[in-house]
Amino acid sequence: MWATVLSFSGIIKLLLGEWATVPTSSMVPTILPGDLIWYEKYSYGAVMPTRISELPVLNLLCLIPAVWEKDKIRNWGYHRTPGFNKPARMDIIVFRNPLDRNQLLTKRIIGLPGDTLTIRRDKIYINGKVIKDIARKK
């Protein structure tokens, strides 16, 4: 029974979503630092683990020093499950900090490929049009 529960929770975390704490104030007033949020992974496609330490439940094997040492140099490459949506303007996304892979960042998409973004006098312009209140827009 416990194996079933652990396997099921691992699949949910890996493919569907998980809980995270917001680490920064960049989303105030929409989301505050320390807020607990559920973020789903299937819309854009879940990022697959690149090593054992990123696999739910199986990462416990990394408590064994020999497994951990081998896992530090392992890299299965970047893979993603197929998603059914593309990122859109004003979506809020969660992603790993490229400088600290253990930290999740929460940000709002304001620019898309081909857009011209300008910030002038605390106002954001997208393709020459001012975005009045980005925190409440959607």
C-alpha atoms as a PDB file:
ATOM      1  CA  MET A   1       0.000   0.000   0.000  1.00  0.00           C
ATOM      2  CA  TRP A   2       2.750   2.507   0.912  1.00  0.00           C
ATOM      3  CA  ALA A   3       4.543   1.758  -2.347  1.00  0.00           C
ATOM      4  CA  THR A   4       1.357   2.606  -4.257  1.00  0.00           C
ATOM      5  CA  VAL A   5       0.873   5.868  -2.340  1.00  0.00           C
ATOM      6  CA  LEU A   6       4.515   6.900  -2.863  1.00  0.00           C
ATOM      7  CA  SER A   7       4.412   5.987  -6.560  1.00  0.00           C
ATOM      8  CA  PHE A   8       1.159   7.886  -7.082  1.00  0.00           C
ATOM      9  CA  SER A   9       2.445  10.991  -5.270  1.00  0.00           C
ATOM     10  CA  GLY A  10       5.700  10.820  -7.261  1.00  0.00           C
ATOM     11  CA  ILE A  11       3.823  10.740 -10.564  1.00  0.00           C
ATOM     12  CA  ILE A  12       1.654  13.688  -9.487  1.00  0.00           C
ATOM     13  CA  LYS A  13       4.735  15.732  -8.545  1.00  0.00           C
ATOM     14  CA  LEU A  14       6.638  14.778 -11.693  1.00  0.00           C
ATOM     15  CA  LEU A  15       3.905  15.236 -14.320  1.00  0.00           C
ATOM     16  CA  LEU A  16       0.958  17.180 -12.890  1.00  0.00           C
ATOM     17  CA  GLY A  17       2.200  19.769 -10.393  1.00  0.00           C
ATOM     18  CA  GLU A  18       3.397  20.525  -6.896  1.00  0.00           C
ATOM     19  CA  TRP A  19       3.330  23.037  -4.058  1.00  0.00           C
ATOM     20  CA  ALA A  20       5.980  25.726  -3.832  1.00  0.00           C
ATOM     21  CA  THR A  21       6.752  28.724  -1.645  1.00  0.00           C
ATOM     22  CA  VAL A  22       7.288  32.035  -3.451  1.00  0.00           C
ATOM     23  CA  PRO A  23      10.833  33.208  -2.571  1.00  0.00           C
ATOM     24  CA  THR A  24      10.901  36.802  -3.852  1.00  0.00           C
ATOM     25  CA  SER A  25       8.809  39.980  -3.906  1.00  0.00           C
ATOM     26  CA  SER A  26       8.838  40.419  -7.687  1.00  0.00           C
ATOM     27  CA  MET A  27       5.129  39.507  -7.996  1.00  0.00           C
ATOM     28  CA  VAL A  28       3.772  41.855  -5.282  1.00  0.00           C
ATOM     29  CA  PRO A  29       0.831  42.645  -4.979  1.00  0.00           C
ATOM     30  CA  THR A  30      -0.437  39.600  -6.918  1.00  0.00           C
ATOM     31  CA  ILE A  31       1.660  37.061  -5.011  1.00  0.00           C
ATOM     32  CA  LEU A  32       3.560  37.831  -1.810  1.00  0.00           C
ATOM     33  CA  PRO A  33       6.913  36.412  -0.642  1.00  0.00           C
ATOM     34  CA  GLY A  34       6.274  33.282   1.399  1.00  0.00           C
ATOM     35  CA  ASP A  35       2.919  32.520  -0.264  1.00  0.00           C
ATOM     36  CA  LEU A  36       2.297  28.825  -0.828  1.00  0.00           C
ATOM     37  CA  ILE A  37       1.139  28.170  -4.393  1.00  0.00           C
ATOM     38  CA  TRP A  38       0.172  25.093  -6.413  1.00  0.00           C
ATOM     39  CA  TYR A  39       1.652  25.165  -9.891  1.00  0.00           C
ATOM     40  CA  GLU A  40       0.671  22.759 -12.590  1.00  0.00           C
ATOM     41  CA  LYS A  41       3.215  21.383 -15.042  1.00  0.00           C
ATOM     42  CA  TYR A  42       1.146  19.788 -17.794  1.00  0.00           C
ATOM     43  CA  SER A  43      -0.051  22.896 -19.703  1.00  0.00           C
ATOM     44  CA  TYR A  44       3.327  23.722 -21.224  1.00  0.00           C
ATOM     45  CA  GLY A  45       4.709  20.194 -20.758  1.00  0.00           C
ATOM     46  CA  ALA A  46       6.471  18.913 -17.645  1.00  0.00           C
ATOM     47  CA  VAL A  47      10.262  19.025 -17.629  1.00  0.00           C
ATOM     48  CA  MET A  48      11.651  15.535 -17.110  1.00  0.00           C
ATOM     49  CA  PRO A  49      14.343  14.871 -14.503  1.00  0.00           C
ATOM     50  CA  THR A  50      17.970  14.926 -15.623  1.00  0.00           C
ATOM     51  CA  ARG A  51      19.221  12.651 -12.821  1.00  0.00           C
ATOM     52  CA  ILE A  52      18.079  10.376  -9.982  1.00  0.00           C
ATOM     53  CA  SER A  53      18.159  13.150  -7.371  1.00  0.00           C
ATOM     54  CA  GLU A  54      15.357  14.926  -9.283  1.00  0.00           C
ATOM     55  CA  LEU A  55      13.033  11.894  -9.264  1.00  0.00           C
ATOM     56  CA  PRO A  56      10.384  11.913  -6.529  1.00  0.00           C
ATOM     57  CA  VAL A  57      10.813   9.051  -4.050  1.00  0.00           C
ATOM     58  CA  LEU A  58      13.782   7.530  -5.920  1.00  0.00           C
ATOM     59  CA  ASN A  59      15.850  10.550  -4.892  1.00  0.00           C
ATOM     60  CA  LEU A  60      16.086   8.890  -1.467  1.00  0.00           C
ATOM     61  CA  LEU A  61      18.669   6.567  -3.016  1.00  0.00           C
ATOM     62  CA  CYS A  62      20.986   9.587  -3.080  1.00  0.00           C
ATOM     63  CA  LEU A  63      21.286   9.288   0.691  1.00  0.00           C
ATOM     64  CA  ILE A  64      23.732   6.505  -0.125  1.00  0.00           C
ATOM     65  CA  PRO A  65      27.079   8.311  -0.652  1.00  0.00           C
ATOM     66  CA  ALA A  66      28.173   6.140  -3.607  1.00  0.00           C
ATOM     67  CA  VAL A  67      24.870   6.741  -5.434  1.00  0.00           C
ATOM     68  CA  TRP A  68      25.064  10.503  -4.705  1.00  0.00           C
ATOM     69  CA  GLU A  69      28.625  10.779  -6.070  1.00  0.00           C
ATOM     70  CA  LYS A  70      27.663   9.051  -9.328  1.00  0.00           C
ATOM     71  CA  ASP A  71      24.452  11.054  -9.589  1.00  0.00           C
ATOM     72  CA  LYS A  72      26.292  14.395  -9.377  1.00  0.00           C
ATOM     73  CA  ILE A  73      27.959  13.700 -12.744  1.00  0.00           C
ATOM     74  CA  ARG A  74      24.892  12.074 -14.380  1.00  0.00           C
ATOM     75  CA  ASN A  75      22.939  14.009 -17.006  1.00  0.00           C
ATOM     76  CA  TRP A  76      20.088  12.473 -18.986  1.00  0.00           C
ATOM     77  CA  GLY A  77      19.634  15.656 -21.003  1.00  0.00           C
ATOM     78  CA  TYR A  78      16.745  18.079 -21.316  1.00  0.00           C
ATOM     79  CA  HIS A  79      13.386  16.489 -22.144  1.00  0.00           C
ATOM     80  CA  ARG A  80       9.808  17.697 -21.808  1.00  0.00           C
ATOM     81  CA  THR A  81       6.424  16.003 -22.063  1.00  0.00           C
ATOM     82  CA  PRO A  82       4.132  17.388 -24.773  1.00  0.00           C
ATOM     83  CA  GLY A  83       2.067  20.321 -23.548  1.00  0.00           C
ATOM     84  CA  PHE A  84      -1.301  21.507 -24.790  1.00  0.00           C
ATOM     85  CA  ASN A  85      -0.799  25.289 -24.366  1.00  0.00           C
ATOM     86  CA  LYS A  86       1.838  27.806 -25.345  1.00  0.00           C
ATOM     87  CA  PRO A  87       2.962  30.537 -22.965  1.00  0.00           C
ATOM     88  CA  ALA A  88       0.771  33.612 -23.360  1.00  0.00           C
ATOM     89  CA  ARG A  89       1.166  37.235 -22.318  1.00  0.00           C
ATOM     90  CA  MET A  90       0.256  37.806 -18.639  1.00  0.00           C
ATOM     91  CA  ASP A  91       0.549  34.104 -17.721  1.00  0.00           C
ATOM     92  CA  ILE A  92       2.226  33.515 -14.376  1.00  0.00           C
ATOM     93  CA  ILE A  93       4.919  30.861 -14.659  1.00  0.00           C
ATOM     94  CA  VAL A  94       7.144  28.956 -12.232  1.00  0.00           C
ATOM     95  CA  PHE A  95      10.626  27.853 -13.291  1.00  0.00           C
ATOM     96  CA  ARG A  96      13.986  26.897 -11.826  1.00  0.00           C
ATOM     97  CA  ASN A  97      16.492  29.663 -11.176  1.00  0.00           C
ATOM     98  CA  PRO A  98      19.317  29.100 -13.710  1.00  0.00           C
ATOM     99  CA  LEU A  99      21.882  30.184 -11.084  1.00  0.00           C
ATOM    100  CA  ASP A 100      20.440  28.007  -8.284  1.00  0.00           C
ATOM    101  CA  ARG A 101      18.571  24.942  -9.582  1.00  0.00           C
ATOM    102  CA  ASN A 102      17.096  24.326  -6.113  1.00  0.00           C
ATOM    103  CA  GLN A 103      15.178  27.622  -6.161  1.00  0.00           C
ATOM    104  CA  LEU A 104      11.874  28.061  -7.983  1.00  0.00           C
ATOM    105  CA  LEU A 105      11.046  31.525  -9.334  1.00  0.00           C
ATOM    106  CA  THR A 106       7.576  32.918 -10.014  1.00  0.00           C
ATOM    107  CA  LYS A 107       7.257  35.491 -12.809  1.00  0.00           C
ATOM    108  CA  ARG A 108       4.686  36.979 -15.196  1.00  0.00           C
ATOM    109  CA  ILE A 109       5.173  36.716 -18.962  1.00  0.00           C
ATOM    110  CA  ILE A 110       4.890  40.185 -20.482  1.00  0.00           C
ATOM    111  CA  GLY A 111       6.833  39.773 -23.718  1.00  0.00           C
ATOM    112  CA  LEU A 112       6.507  37.192 -26.452  1.00  0.00           C
ATOM    113  CA  PRO A 113       8.833  36.447 -29.373  1.00  0.00           C
ATOM    114  CA  GLY A 114       8.813  39.402 -31.773  1.00  0.00           C
ATOM    115  CA  ASP A 115       7.582  41.929 -29.173  1.00  0.00           C
ATOM    116  CA  THR A 116       9.414  45.164 -28.444  1.00  0.00           C
ATOM    117  CA  LEU A 117       9.475  45.982 -24.727  1.00  0.00           C
ATOM    118  CA  THR A 118      10.337  49.409 -23.361  1.00  0.00           C
ATOM    119  CA  ILE A 119      10.356  50.611 -19.752  1.00  0.00           C
ATOM    120  CA  ARG A 120      10.142  54.384 -19.448  1.00  0.00           C
ATOM    121  CA  ARG A 121       9.262  56.403 -16.314  1.00  0.00           C
ATOM    122  CA  ASP A 122       7.997  53.290 -14.470  1.00  0.00           C
ATOM    123  CA  LYS A 123       5.664  52.355 -17.342  1.00  0.00           C
ATOM    124  CA  ILE A 124       5.962  49.250 -19.495  1.00  0.00           C
ATOM    125  CA  TYR A 125       5.332  49.543 -23.231  1.00  0.00           C
ATOM    126  CA  ILE A 126       4.708  46.478 -25.386  1.00  0.00           C
ATOM    127  CA  ASN A 127       4.979  47.199 -29.102  1.00  0.00           C
ATOM    128  CA  GLY A 128       4.542  50.917 -28.365  1.00  0.00           C
ATOM    129  CA  LYS A 129       1.389  50.542 -26.234  1.00  0.00           C
ATOM    130  CA  VAL A 130       1.509  51.222 -22.500  1.00  0.00           C
ATOM    131  CA  ILE A 131       0.404  48.465 -20.142  1.00  0.00           C
ATOM    132  CA  LYS A 132      -1.501  50.375 -17.450  1.00  0.00           C
ATOM    133  CA  ASP A 133      -1.729  47.965 -14.498  1.00  0.00           C
ATOM    134  CA  ILE A 134       0.211  44.789 -15.136  1.00  0.00           C
ATOM    135  CA  ALA A 135      -0.685  43.207 -11.767  1.00  0.00           C
ATOM    136  CA  ARG A 136      -4.420  43.244 -12.517  1.00  0.00           C
ATOM    137  CA  LYS A 137      -4.382  42.750 -16.294  1.00  0.00           C
ATOM    138  CA  LYS A 138      -5.796  39.483 -17.711  1.00  0.00           C
END
